Protein backbone atom coordinates (compact mmCIF):
# COMPACT_ATOMS: atom_id res chain seq x y z
CA MET A 1 21.60 139.00 144.00
CA SER A 2 18.18 138.05 142.55
CA LEU A 3 14.78 137.73 144.17
CA LYS A 4 14.52 134.20 142.76
CA ASN A 5 17.62 133.14 144.68
CA PHE A 6 16.35 134.96 147.75
CA PHE A 7 13.15 132.94 147.95
CA LYS A 8 15.05 129.71 147.26
CA THR A 9 17.56 130.14 150.07
CA GLY A 10 15.31 130.92 153.04
CA HIS A 11 12.01 129.82 154.56
CA THR A 12 9.23 131.95 153.08
CA PRO A 13 6.40 130.78 155.41
CA THR A 14 8.44 131.85 158.46
CA LEU A 15 9.31 135.16 156.81
CA LEU A 16 5.67 135.95 156.05
CA ALA A 17 4.44 134.72 159.44
CA SER A 18 7.04 136.92 161.14
CA PHE A 19 5.91 139.86 159.04
CA LEU A 20 2.25 139.33 160.02
CA TYR A 21 3.15 138.92 163.70
CA PHE A 22 5.14 142.14 163.69
CA ASP A 23 2.57 143.96 161.53
CA ILE A 24 -0.37 143.33 163.85
CA SER A 25 1.77 143.85 166.94
CA PHE A 26 2.95 147.20 165.59
CA MET A 27 -0.64 148.19 164.90
CA ILE A 28 -1.53 147.48 168.51
CA TRP A 29 1.62 149.13 169.85
CA VAL A 30 0.77 152.54 168.35
CA ILE A 31 -3.00 152.32 168.75
CA LEU A 32 -3.11 155.14 171.31
CA GLY A 33 -1.79 157.59 168.72
CA PRO A 34 -4.65 157.47 166.18
CA THR A 35 -7.29 157.25 168.92
CA GLY A 36 -5.52 159.85 171.05
CA THR A 37 -7.58 162.80 169.82
CA PHE A 38 -10.73 161.11 171.11
CA ILE A 39 -9.14 160.24 174.46
CA VAL A 40 -7.79 163.80 174.79
CA GLU A 41 -11.25 165.23 174.25
CA ASP A 42 -12.85 162.77 176.66
CA LEU A 43 -10.30 163.23 179.47
CA GLY A 44 -9.29 166.87 178.82
CA LEU A 45 -5.52 166.35 178.60
CA THR A 46 -2.80 169.03 178.46
CA ASP A 47 -0.16 169.22 175.70
CA PHE A 48 2.37 167.50 177.95
CA GLN A 49 -0.10 164.74 178.85
CA LYS A 50 -0.84 164.17 175.16
CA GLY A 51 2.82 163.54 174.44
CA MET A 52 3.20 161.30 177.49
CA MET A 53 0.12 159.26 176.58
CA VAL A 54 1.38 158.32 173.11
CA GLY A 55 5.00 158.03 174.30
CA ILE A 56 4.53 155.55 177.14
CA PRO A 57 3.71 152.53 174.90
CA VAL A 58 6.89 153.25 172.97
CA LEU A 59 8.88 153.38 176.21
CA GLY A 60 7.32 150.09 177.30
CA GLY A 61 8.39 148.50 174.04
CA ALA A 62 11.90 149.89 174.50
CA LEU A 63 12.31 148.43 177.97
CA LEU A 64 10.86 145.05 177.02
CA ARG A 65 12.79 144.52 173.79
CA ILE A 66 16.05 143.55 175.48
CA PRO A 67 14.53 140.77 177.64
CA MET A 68 12.43 139.61 174.69
CA GLY A 69 15.59 139.43 172.56
CA LEU A 70 17.39 137.49 175.27
CA LEU A 71 14.52 135.06 175.66
CA ALA A 72 14.22 134.58 171.90
CA ASP A 73 17.94 133.79 171.66
CA ARG A 74 17.71 131.27 174.50
CA PHE A 75 14.30 129.63 174.05
CA GLY A 76 13.47 130.27 170.39
CA GLY A 77 11.62 133.03 168.61
CA LYS A 78 8.48 131.04 167.86
CA ARG A 79 7.83 130.14 171.50
CA ILE A 80 8.49 133.67 172.77
CA GLY A 81 6.42 135.18 169.95
CA MET A 82 3.42 133.08 170.92
CA ILE A 83 3.76 134.10 174.58
CA GLY A 84 4.11 137.75 173.55
CA MET A 85 0.86 137.70 171.59
CA ILE A 86 -1.03 136.11 174.47
CA LEU A 87 0.26 138.77 176.88
CA THR A 88 -0.64 141.53 174.41
CA MET A 89 -4.29 140.58 174.80
CA ILE A 90 -4.26 141.85 178.40
CA PRO A 91 -4.02 145.62 177.68
CA LEU A 92 -6.50 145.24 174.82
CA PHE A 93 -9.12 143.75 177.14
CA TRP A 94 -8.26 146.45 179.71
CA GLY A 95 -8.72 149.29 177.22
CA TRP A 96 -11.91 147.77 175.87
CA LEU A 97 -13.72 147.04 179.13
CA LEU A 98 -12.17 148.98 182.02
CA ALA A 99 -10.00 152.04 181.26
CA ASP A 100 -11.70 155.34 182.15
CA ASN A 101 -8.98 157.67 183.49
CA LEU A 102 -5.47 158.86 182.63
CA PRO A 103 -3.52 156.64 185.11
CA GLN A 104 -5.16 153.57 183.59
CA ILE A 105 -4.36 154.82 180.09
CA TYR A 106 -0.73 155.20 181.12
CA ALA A 107 -0.67 151.71 182.66
CA LEU A 108 -2.27 149.86 179.75
CA GLY A 109 -0.12 151.94 177.41
CA PHE A 110 3.00 150.57 179.06
CA LEU A 111 1.67 147.01 178.64
CA LEU A 112 1.10 147.72 174.95
CA GLY A 113 4.89 147.81 174.86
CA ILE A 114 4.77 144.00 174.84
CA ALA A 115 3.53 144.30 171.25
CA GLY A 116 6.36 146.68 170.42
CA ALA A 117 8.89 144.23 171.80
CA SER A 118 7.87 141.78 169.06
CA PHE A 119 10.53 143.47 166.94
CA ALA A 120 13.28 141.64 168.84
CA VAL A 121 11.59 138.31 168.13
CA ALA A 122 10.15 138.53 164.61
CA LEU A 123 13.24 139.83 162.84
CA PRO A 124 15.79 137.31 164.20
CA LEU A 125 13.31 134.45 163.70
CA ALA A 126 13.04 135.29 160.01
CA SER A 127 16.62 136.40 159.32
CA ARG A 128 18.24 133.23 160.70
CA TRP A 129 16.95 131.35 157.67
CA TYR A 130 18.91 133.53 155.21
CA PRO A 131 22.61 133.81 154.28
CA LYS A 132 24.54 137.05 154.78
CA GLU A 133 24.03 138.32 151.25
CA HIS A 134 20.24 138.26 151.75
CA GLN A 135 20.11 139.50 155.35
CA GLY A 136 19.23 143.08 154.46
CA LEU A 137 16.22 142.13 152.34
CA ALA A 138 15.01 139.49 154.82
CA MET A 139 15.23 141.92 157.74
CA GLY A 140 13.59 144.58 155.59
CA ILE A 141 10.60 142.40 154.69
CA ALA A 142 10.04 141.24 158.26
CA GLY A 143 10.63 144.77 159.55
CA ALA A 144 8.09 146.17 157.08
CA GLY A 145 5.62 145.04 159.71
CA ASN A 146 5.82 148.60 160.95
CA SER A 147 3.20 149.10 158.24
CA GLY A 148 0.78 147.97 160.94
CA THR A 149 0.66 151.65 161.80
CA VAL A 150 -1.32 152.12 158.59
CA LEU A 151 -4.06 149.87 159.95
CA ALA A 152 -4.11 151.80 163.22
CA THR A 153 -4.26 155.25 161.63
CA LEU A 154 -6.73 154.25 158.90
CA PHE A 155 -9.27 152.34 160.97
CA GLY A 156 -8.65 153.55 164.54
CA PRO A 157 -10.19 157.04 164.19
CA ARG A 158 -13.14 155.71 162.17
CA ILE A 159 -13.95 153.00 164.70
CA ALA A 160 -13.56 155.46 167.57
CA GLU A 161 -15.87 157.97 165.88
CA ALA A 162 -18.52 155.35 165.15
CA TYR A 163 -18.42 153.23 168.31
CA GLY A 164 -16.26 155.07 170.86
CA TRP A 165 -12.54 154.81 171.55
CA HIS A 166 -12.91 151.85 173.93
CA SER A 167 -14.18 149.70 171.07
CA VAL A 168 -10.92 150.19 169.14
CA PHE A 169 -9.12 148.03 171.70
CA GLY A 170 -11.76 145.30 171.55
CA ILE A 171 -11.84 145.11 167.77
CA ALA A 172 -8.02 144.97 167.68
CA LEU A 173 -8.25 141.55 169.33
CA ILE A 174 -9.63 140.05 166.10
CA PRO A 175 -6.54 140.51 163.87
CA LEU A 176 -4.31 139.58 166.80
CA ILE A 177 -6.02 136.22 167.17
CA ILE A 178 -5.73 135.62 163.41
CA ALA A 179 -2.01 136.47 163.48
CA PHE A 180 -1.56 134.14 166.47
CA ILE A 181 -3.06 131.21 164.56
CA VAL A 182 -1.03 131.91 161.40
CA PHE A 183 2.15 132.17 163.48
CA ILE A 184 1.53 128.82 165.16
CA VAL A 185 0.88 127.08 161.85
CA PHE A 186 3.55 128.55 159.57
CA ALA A 187 6.45 129.91 161.64
CA LYS A 188 9.36 127.50 162.04
CA GLU A 189 12.49 127.76 164.18
CA ASN A 190 15.86 127.37 162.46
CA THR A 191 17.34 125.28 165.26
CA ALA A 192 20.69 125.02 163.51
CA ALA A 193 21.15 128.79 163.87
CA VAL A 194 20.10 129.05 167.51
CA ARG A 195 22.23 128.21 170.52
CA PRO A 196 22.14 129.37 174.15
CA THR A 197 24.38 132.40 174.57
CA LYS A 198 26.53 132.96 177.63
CA MET A 199 26.16 136.12 179.68
CA SER A 200 29.81 136.92 179.02
CA GLU A 201 28.95 137.13 175.32
CA TYR A 202 26.09 139.51 176.07
CA LYS A 203 28.45 141.74 178.02
CA GLN A 204 30.93 141.66 175.17
CA VAL A 205 28.29 142.85 172.72
CA ILE A 206 27.24 145.69 175.01
CA LYS A 207 30.87 146.78 175.36
CA HIS A 208 31.26 147.02 171.59
CA LYS A 209 31.27 150.66 170.53
CA ASN A 210 29.36 149.92 167.32
CA THR A 211 26.43 148.58 169.34
CA TRP A 212 26.06 152.01 170.91
CA LEU A 213 26.65 153.79 167.62
CA PHE A 214 23.91 151.83 165.87
CA SER A 215 21.66 152.35 168.88
CA PHE A 216 22.04 156.13 168.62
CA PHE A 217 21.28 156.08 164.91
CA TYR A 218 18.26 153.83 165.40
CA SER A 219 16.93 156.01 168.21
CA LEU A 220 16.57 158.67 165.53
CA SER A 221 15.48 156.61 162.51
CA PHE A 222 13.04 154.17 164.11
CA GLY A 223 12.43 156.42 167.11
CA GLY A 224 11.62 159.26 164.74
CA PHE A 225 9.36 157.02 162.67
CA VAL A 226 7.31 155.59 165.52
CA GLY A 227 7.35 158.81 167.53
CA LEU A 228 6.05 160.87 164.62
CA THR A 229 3.42 158.34 163.60
CA SER A 230 2.18 158.21 167.19
CA TYR A 231 1.95 161.99 167.51
CA LEU A 232 1.12 163.35 164.05
CA THR A 233 -2.63 162.76 164.39
CA ILE A 234 -2.61 165.11 167.38
CA PHE A 235 -0.31 167.55 165.54
CA PHE A 236 -2.51 167.82 162.44
CA TYR A 237 -5.64 168.16 164.58
CA ASP A 238 -4.16 170.80 166.91
CA GLN A 239 -2.10 172.83 164.44
CA TYR A 240 -4.32 172.84 161.36
CA GLY A 241 -7.79 172.20 162.77
CA VAL A 242 -8.64 169.25 160.52
CA SER A 243 -11.11 166.62 161.71
CA LYS A 244 -9.93 163.66 163.77
CA VAL A 245 -10.54 161.22 160.92
CA THR A 246 -8.84 163.48 158.35
CA ALA A 247 -5.84 163.84 160.66
CA GLY A 248 -5.64 160.05 160.83
CA ASP A 249 -5.84 159.81 157.03
CA PHE A 250 -2.93 162.23 156.63
CA VAL A 251 -0.84 160.09 158.94
CA THR A 252 -1.93 156.94 157.11
CA ILE A 253 -0.56 158.25 153.81
CA CYS A 254 2.75 159.25 155.42
CA VAL A 255 3.15 155.98 157.28
CA PHE A 256 2.17 153.83 154.31
CA ALA A 257 5.06 155.20 152.28
CA GLY A 258 7.50 155.13 155.20
CA SER A 259 6.67 151.53 156.09
CA PHE A 260 6.99 149.85 152.74
CA VAL A 261 10.29 151.46 151.81
CA ARG A 262 11.97 149.59 154.64
CA PRO A 263 12.75 146.50 152.50
CA ILE A 264 14.12 148.88 149.85
CA GLY A 265 16.47 150.27 152.49
CA GLY A 266 17.72 146.78 153.27
CA LEU A 267 18.10 145.93 149.60
CA LEU A 268 20.03 149.14 148.83
CA ALA A 269 22.22 148.60 151.89
CA ASP A 270 23.04 145.09 150.64
CA LYS A 271 24.15 146.61 147.36
CA TYR A 272 25.83 149.89 148.32
CA GLY A 273 26.66 149.63 152.03
CA GLY A 274 24.69 150.81 155.04
CA LEU A 275 26.58 153.85 156.31
CA ARG A 276 26.84 155.69 153.00
CA LEU A 277 23.10 155.28 152.51
CA LEU A 278 22.33 156.36 156.08
CA ILE A 279 24.22 159.64 155.66
CA PHE A 280 22.07 160.53 152.66
CA LEU A 281 18.80 159.49 154.33
CA PHE A 282 19.50 161.26 157.61
CA GLY A 283 20.46 164.39 155.69
CA GLY A 284 17.11 164.35 153.93
CA ALA A 285 15.20 163.88 157.21
CA MET A 286 17.14 166.71 158.85
CA ILE A 287 16.15 169.15 156.11
CA THR A 288 12.49 168.15 155.90
CA LEU A 289 11.98 168.30 159.67
CA PHE A 290 13.54 171.76 159.79
CA ILE A 291 11.02 172.89 157.15
CA VAL A 292 8.14 171.31 159.11
CA GLY A 293 9.22 173.42 162.09
CA MET A 294 8.44 176.56 160.09
CA LEU A 295 4.75 175.59 160.37
CA LEU A 296 4.02 176.49 156.77
CA PRO A 297 0.61 175.84 155.14
CA LEU A 298 -0.87 172.39 155.63
CA TYR A 299 -0.01 170.93 152.23
CA ILE A 300 3.66 171.90 152.61
CA SER A 301 3.96 170.46 156.13
CA PHE A 302 2.20 167.30 155.00
CA THR A 303 4.58 166.88 152.05
CA MET A 304 7.64 167.42 154.24
CA LEU A 305 6.40 164.93 156.84
CA PHE A 306 5.66 162.44 154.06
CA LEU A 307 9.25 162.74 152.86
CA THR A 308 10.57 162.57 156.43
CA LEU A 309 8.91 159.23 157.05
CA VAL A 310 10.14 157.91 153.70
CA PHE A 311 13.71 158.86 154.64
CA LEU A 312 13.40 157.38 158.14
CA GLY A 313 11.63 154.22 156.96
CA THR A 314 14.34 153.54 154.40
CA ALA A 315 17.01 154.23 157.02
CA ASN A 316 15.47 151.61 159.32
CA GLY A 317 15.97 148.93 156.68
CA ALA A 318 19.48 150.11 155.88
CA LEU A 319 20.60 150.06 159.50
CA PHE A 320 19.37 146.54 160.15
CA GLN A 321 21.32 145.22 157.19
CA VAL A 322 24.39 145.77 159.34
CA ILE A 323 23.45 143.92 162.53
CA PRO A 324 23.22 140.28 161.37
CA VAL A 325 26.38 140.72 159.31
CA GLN A 326 28.43 141.97 162.25
CA PHE A 327 26.70 139.98 165.01
CA PRO A 328 25.50 136.74 163.35
CA LYS A 329 25.47 134.72 166.59
CA GLU A 330 23.99 137.41 168.83
CA VAL A 331 21.52 138.89 166.37
CA GLY A 332 18.58 138.50 168.78
CA LEU A 333 20.37 140.31 171.60
CA VAL A 334 21.72 143.12 169.43
CA THR A 335 18.37 143.52 167.69
CA GLY A 336 16.73 143.84 171.10
CA PHE A 337 19.36 146.27 172.36
CA VAL A 338 19.34 148.52 169.29
CA GLY A 339 15.58 148.19 169.02
CA ALA A 340 15.26 149.33 172.63
CA ALA A 341 17.21 152.45 171.75
CA GLY A 342 14.77 153.04 168.91
CA GLY A 343 11.91 152.76 171.36
CA VAL A 344 13.56 155.23 173.72
CA GLY A 345 13.87 157.69 170.85
CA GLY A 346 10.22 157.11 170.01
CA PHE A 347 9.27 157.89 173.62
CA PHE A 348 11.20 161.15 173.76
CA LEU A 349 10.06 162.55 170.41
CA PRO A 350 6.33 163.02 171.19
CA ASN A 351 7.28 164.27 174.65
CA ILE A 352 9.67 166.80 173.10
CA LEU A 353 6.95 168.03 170.75
CA GLY A 354 4.31 168.13 173.49
CA SER A 355 6.60 169.79 176.03
CA PHE A 356 7.82 172.52 173.68
CA LYS A 357 4.22 173.16 172.62
CA GLU A 358 3.21 173.60 176.26
CA TRP A 359 6.25 175.75 177.13
CA THR A 360 6.33 178.00 174.06
CA GLY A 361 2.87 177.67 172.54
CA SER A 362 4.44 176.43 169.27
CA TYR A 363 5.50 173.13 167.74
CA SER A 364 8.40 174.79 165.89
CA TYR A 365 11.08 174.36 168.53
CA GLY A 366 10.31 170.68 169.01
CA PHE A 367 10.77 169.88 165.32
CA TRP A 368 13.94 171.99 165.16
CA TRP A 369 15.33 170.18 168.21
CA VAL A 370 14.90 166.81 166.50
CA SER A 371 16.41 168.16 163.27
CA ALA A 372 19.49 169.38 165.17
CA THR A 373 19.91 165.99 166.84
CA ILE A 374 19.88 164.29 163.44
CA LEU A 375 22.62 166.68 162.33
CA ILE A 376 24.75 165.49 165.26
CA ALA A 377 24.18 161.88 164.16
CA ILE A 378 25.34 162.74 160.63
CA LEU A 379 28.54 164.25 162.02
CA PHE A 380 29.15 161.02 163.96
CA MET A 381 28.61 159.03 160.76
CA PHE A 382 31.22 161.04 158.91
CA TYR A 383 33.63 160.73 161.83
CA MET A 384 33.12 156.97 162.16
CA GLN A 385 32.95 156.15 158.47
CA LYS A 386 36.60 155.23 158.01
CA SER A 387 36.94 153.27 161.25
CA ILE A 388 34.00 150.99 160.52
CA GLN A 389 34.34 150.88 156.73
CA GLY A 390 35.35 147.24 156.86
CA ILE A 391 32.13 146.32 158.64
CA ILE A 392 29.47 148.16 156.71
CA SER A 393 31.00 148.80 153.33
CA LYS A 394 29.63 147.28 150.15
CA PRO A 395 29.59 143.48 150.43
CA LYS A 396 31.58 141.46 147.92
CA HIS A 397 29.46 139.05 145.93
């Protein structure tokens, strides 16, 4: 497989437009995380409320991904993507002009989940233009839109410090409008690859044991990625006493690396097979998170979290190499279903960290809990490796 052949076989404008759509949507989806320290100070939130505040948008994205995937399969990804971006403007206007208490933050946070649901639209829209041997890289490039978190963590705290946290929501409208225009102009539907799917086929996919297996894995890889990036600004600020902007910069560095390795994960999965790679990556994340739970000096925790997000970001790309290969006709539905599981994991992780901090006065037990859960996933991978070897083993070229 060569990159030259890759760009010849697909539709590059759609791939790049899908990336931009997902990138800006992801930025908006996690925007409460980087600005959370300012909101916490303004509203006087508890540790539990902090975790809930940054977790609710992720939960909203989880619940909305399945219907967005269904709609994209039935009516086309471009049309649903355009509608999704228009609806995403609602919580941004709300946060900019109206929100002034915790219930409103929770409500607009849930609506920010519309942006998170873009995952179930952008990836199938792009991947349908590419043959099986290039699916991993195509999904990886489109999925690298989770790098939008970098924009949120880099600029969110600075804008909030200079102009107030409400202004972050207003300014976020600008890149969203730009992405909307680019998407309209350049994204194109591969109508030959799209057909209405019967409900019986949806039920069949949900009954498939591998759908649930991949969902569990993704709840840890993507859920861990988005959950950590949403909460780490608060963690660095609370645990190590750094400034709000510095905390955001630490997260930016971690997320930058974790976001752009996603295409590498897809590329490596195309070459070596997804499950074998996932076992290695999950093992790395398990170890680094356990070390983070020791609450060692700042530079050690930062390094371990950096490595954790690299492992998880690569795992995200590796896992989504599998889906279009196994479910080529239902890729939108399965992407939405597995993506929803990732969102659920991303909701629970900050709540686990916040709850354990409130109950025990320490972040240690929360990180160790997540590390232990990853260990369980690794055991499942070893157990299932032989039975699904024919599905996710190294492709023959």
